Amino acid sequence: MKMKIPLKLAGVIGVDRSYIKKINQGIRRPSLKTAGKIIEAMAGAVSLEDLRPDIVNQVHELTISKKEME
């Protein structure tokens, strides 16, 4: 992830600072709910693709598969 989540946002979004550190280090991935809170708290400075590229890629693959089936 290019932009780091400020540790001070931990209290705002209701998680521990250590959890934010692990997200920044790439050790943990936030849930969709937590990712949404991070995106909102950072006013869109990070995206779902930044935080959960695995989910964005899965949605993209499903979209392609659906189009191929039509």
N, C-alpha and C. Protein backbone atom coordinates (compact mmCIF):
# COMPACT_ATOMS: atom_id res chain seq x y z
N MET A 1 0.85 -1.17 0.00
CA MET A 1 0.00 0.00 0.00
C MET A 1 0.90 1.24 0.00
N LYS A 2 0.58 2.16 -0.88
CA LYS A 2 1.41 3.36 -1.01
C LYS A 2 1.26 4.30 0.19
N MET A 3 0.03 4.59 0.56
CA MET A 3 -0.20 5.52 1.67
C MET A 3 -0.38 4.73 2.96
N LYS A 4 0.27 5.17 3.98
CA LYS A 4 0.16 4.53 5.29
C LYS A 4 -1.03 5.12 6.05
N ILE A 5 -1.69 4.27 6.80
CA ILE A 5 -2.80 4.71 7.64
C ILE A 5 -2.21 5.31 8.91
N PRO A 6 -2.55 6.53 9.23
CA PRO A 6 -2.03 7.14 10.46
C PRO A 6 -2.50 6.35 11.69
N LEU A 7 -1.59 6.09 12.61
CA LEU A 7 -1.92 5.33 13.80
C LEU A 7 -2.99 6.02 14.65
N LYS A 8 -3.06 7.34 14.57
CA LYS A 8 -4.05 8.07 15.37
C LYS A 8 -5.48 7.75 14.95
N LEU A 9 -5.67 7.17 13.77
CA LEU A 9 -7.02 6.81 13.33
C LEU A 9 -7.54 5.56 14.03
N ALA A 10 -6.68 4.84 14.71
CA ALA A 10 -7.10 3.61 15.38
C ALA A 10 -8.29 3.86 16.30
N GLY A 11 -8.21 4.88 17.12
CA GLY A 11 -9.31 5.20 18.03
C GLY A 11 -10.57 5.63 17.31
N VAL A 12 -10.39 6.34 16.21
CA VAL A 12 -11.53 6.83 15.44
C VAL A 12 -12.32 5.67 14.83
N ILE A 13 -11.61 4.67 14.33
CA ILE A 13 -12.30 3.56 13.68
C ILE A 13 -12.53 2.37 14.61
N GLY A 14 -12.04 2.47 15.85
CA GLY A 14 -12.33 1.44 16.84
C GLY A 14 -11.47 0.20 16.79
N VAL A 15 -10.20 0.37 16.44
CA VAL A 15 -9.27 -0.76 16.44
C VAL A 15 -8.00 -0.36 17.20
N ASP A 16 -7.19 -1.35 17.53
CA ASP A 16 -5.93 -1.08 18.22
C ASP A 16 -4.89 -0.52 17.24
N ARG A 17 -3.99 0.27 17.79
CA ARG A 17 -2.88 0.81 16.99
C ARG A 17 -2.05 -0.32 16.38
N SER A 18 -1.90 -1.42 17.13
CA SER A 18 -1.10 -2.55 16.62
C SER A 18 -1.74 -3.15 15.37
N TYR A 19 -3.06 -3.11 15.30
CA TYR A 19 -3.76 -3.63 14.12
C TYR A 19 -3.47 -2.74 12.91
N ILE A 20 -3.50 -1.43 13.11
CA ILE A 20 -3.16 -0.49 12.03
C ILE A 20 -1.73 -0.72 11.56
N LYS A 21 -0.82 -0.91 12.52
CA LYS A 21 0.59 -1.18 12.15
C LYS A 21 0.68 -2.41 11.26
N LYS A 22 -0.06 -3.47 11.61
CA LYS A 22 -0.02 -4.71 10.83
C LYS A 22 -0.61 -4.52 9.44
N ILE A 23 -1.64 -3.71 9.34
CA ILE A 23 -2.20 -3.40 8.01
C ILE A 23 -1.15 -2.64 7.19
N ASN A 24 -0.52 -1.64 7.79
CA ASN A 24 0.51 -0.86 7.10
C ASN A 24 1.69 -1.72 6.67
N GLN A 25 2.02 -2.73 7.45
CA GLN A 25 3.14 -3.62 7.14
C GLN A 25 2.76 -4.72 6.16
N GLY A 26 1.47 -4.84 5.85
CA GLY A 26 1.01 -5.89 4.95
C GLY A 26 0.84 -7.23 5.62
N ILE A 27 0.87 -7.25 6.94
CA ILE A 27 0.72 -8.50 7.69
C ILE A 27 -0.76 -8.89 7.81
N ARG A 28 -1.62 -7.88 7.95
CA ARG A 28 -3.07 -8.11 8.09
C ARG A 28 -3.81 -7.36 7.01
N ARG A 29 -5.00 -7.84 6.71
CA ARG A 29 -5.91 -7.15 5.80
C ARG A 29 -7.16 -6.81 6.59
N PRO A 30 -7.64 -5.60 6.48
CA PRO A 30 -8.85 -5.24 7.22
C PRO A 30 -10.08 -5.91 6.63
N SER A 31 -11.07 -6.14 7.48
CA SER A 31 -12.35 -6.63 6.99
C SER A 31 -12.96 -5.55 6.10
N LEU A 32 -13.99 -5.91 5.36
CA LEU A 32 -14.65 -4.90 4.52
C LEU A 32 -15.21 -3.78 5.37
N LYS A 33 -15.77 -4.13 6.53
CA LYS A 33 -16.33 -3.11 7.42
C LYS A 33 -15.23 -2.15 7.90
N THR A 34 -14.11 -2.71 8.34
CA THR A 34 -13.00 -1.87 8.81
C THR A 34 -12.40 -1.08 7.66
N ALA A 35 -12.28 -1.69 6.50
CA ALA A 35 -11.75 -0.98 5.33
C ALA A 35 -12.63 0.22 5.02
N GLY A 36 -13.94 0.04 5.09
CA GLY A 36 -14.86 1.15 4.85
C GLY A 36 -14.66 2.28 5.85
N LYS A 37 -14.44 1.92 7.11
CA LYS A 37 -14.20 2.94 8.14
C LYS A 37 -12.90 3.68 7.88
N ILE A 38 -11.87 2.94 7.44
CA ILE A 38 -10.58 3.57 7.14
C ILE A 38 -10.72 4.54 5.96
N ILE A 39 -11.39 4.09 4.91
CA ILE A 39 -11.58 4.93 3.72
C ILE A 39 -12.33 6.20 4.10
N GLU A 40 -13.38 6.05 4.90
CA GLU A 40 -14.17 7.21 5.32
C GLU A 40 -13.34 8.15 6.20
N ALA A 41 -12.61 7.59 7.17
CA ALA A 41 -11.81 8.41 8.09
C ALA A 41 -10.69 9.15 7.36
N MET A 42 -10.20 8.56 6.27
CA MET A 42 -9.12 9.19 5.52
C MET A 42 -9.65 9.99 4.33
N ALA A 43 -10.96 10.21 4.31
CA ALA A 43 -11.60 11.02 3.27
C ALA A 43 -11.23 10.56 1.86
N GLY A 44 -11.16 9.24 1.67
CA GLY A 44 -10.88 8.70 0.35
C GLY A 44 -9.43 8.73 -0.08
N ALA A 45 -8.51 9.06 0.83
CA ALA A 45 -7.09 9.10 0.47
C ALA A 45 -6.55 7.70 0.19
N VAL A 46 -7.25 6.68 0.68
CA VAL A 46 -6.95 5.28 0.33
C VAL A 46 -8.23 4.70 -0.24
N SER A 47 -8.09 3.67 -1.04
CA SER A 47 -9.24 3.04 -1.66
C SER A 47 -9.37 1.59 -1.21
N LEU A 48 -10.49 0.98 -1.56
CA LEU A 48 -10.67 -0.45 -1.26
C LEU A 48 -9.59 -1.25 -1.99
N GLU A 49 -9.24 -0.83 -3.16
CA GLU A 49 -8.18 -1.53 -3.91
C GLU A 49 -6.84 -1.45 -3.17
N ASP A 50 -6.57 -0.33 -2.51
CA ASP A 50 -5.35 -0.20 -1.71
C ASP A 50 -5.36 -1.16 -0.53
N LEU A 51 -6.53 -1.24 0.13
CA LEU A 51 -6.64 -1.99 1.37
C LEU A 51 -6.91 -3.48 1.15
N ARG A 52 -7.70 -3.81 0.12
CA ARG A 52 -8.08 -5.20 -0.12
C ARG A 52 -8.05 -5.52 -1.61
N PRO A 53 -6.86 -5.51 -2.21
CA PRO A 53 -6.78 -5.80 -3.65
C PRO A 53 -7.31 -7.19 -4.00
N ASP A 54 -7.24 -8.10 -3.04
CA ASP A 54 -7.74 -9.46 -3.29
C ASP A 54 -9.23 -9.45 -3.59
N ILE A 55 -10.00 -8.65 -2.87
CA ILE A 55 -11.44 -8.59 -3.08
C ILE A 55 -11.74 -7.89 -4.40
N VAL A 56 -11.05 -6.82 -4.67
CA VAL A 56 -11.27 -6.09 -5.92
C VAL A 56 -10.97 -7.00 -7.11
N ASN A 57 -9.90 -7.78 -7.03
CA ASN A 57 -9.55 -8.71 -8.11
C ASN A 57 -10.61 -9.79 -8.27
N GLN A 58 -11.16 -10.29 -7.16
CA GLN A 58 -12.21 -11.31 -7.24
C GLN A 58 -13.46 -10.76 -7.92
N VAL A 59 -13.84 -9.55 -7.57
CA VAL A 59 -15.01 -8.92 -8.19
C VAL A 59 -14.76 -8.74 -9.68
N HIS A 60 -13.56 -8.31 -10.03
CA HIS A 60 -13.21 -8.12 -11.44
C HIS A 60 -13.31 -9.45 -12.19
N GLU A 61 -12.77 -10.51 -11.60
CA GLU A 61 -12.82 -11.83 -12.25
C GLU A 61 -14.26 -12.32 -12.41
N LEU A 62 -15.10 -12.10 -11.41
CA LEU A 62 -16.51 -12.49 -11.51
C LEU A 62 -17.22 -11.72 -12.59
N THR A 63 -16.90 -10.45 -12.72
CA THR A 63 -17.51 -9.61 -13.75
C THR A 63 -17.13 -10.12 -15.13
N ILE A 64 -15.87 -10.47 -15.31
CA ILE A 64 -15.41 -10.99 -16.61
C ILE A 64 -16.10 -12.33 -16.90
N SER A 65 -16.16 -13.20 -15.90
CA SER A 65 -16.80 -14.50 -16.09
C SER A 65 -18.27 -14.34 -16.47
N LYS A 66 -18.96 -13.42 -15.83
CA LYS A 66 -20.37 -13.20 -16.13
C LYS A 66 -20.55 -12.72 -17.56
N LYS A 67 -19.67 -11.83 -18.02
CA LYS A 67 -19.76 -11.31 -19.39
C LYS A 67 -19.49 -12.43 -20.40
N GLU A 68 -18.58 -13.34 -20.07
CA GLU A 68 -18.28 -14.45 -20.98
C GLU A 68 -19.44 -15.41 -21.10
N MET A 69 -20.26 -15.50 -20.05
CA MET A 69 -21.40 -16.43 -20.05
C MET A 69 -22.58 -15.87 -20.85
N GLU A 70 -22.59 -14.59 -21.13
CA GLU A 70 -23.71 -13.97 -21.86
C GLU A 70 -23.65 -14.24 -23.33
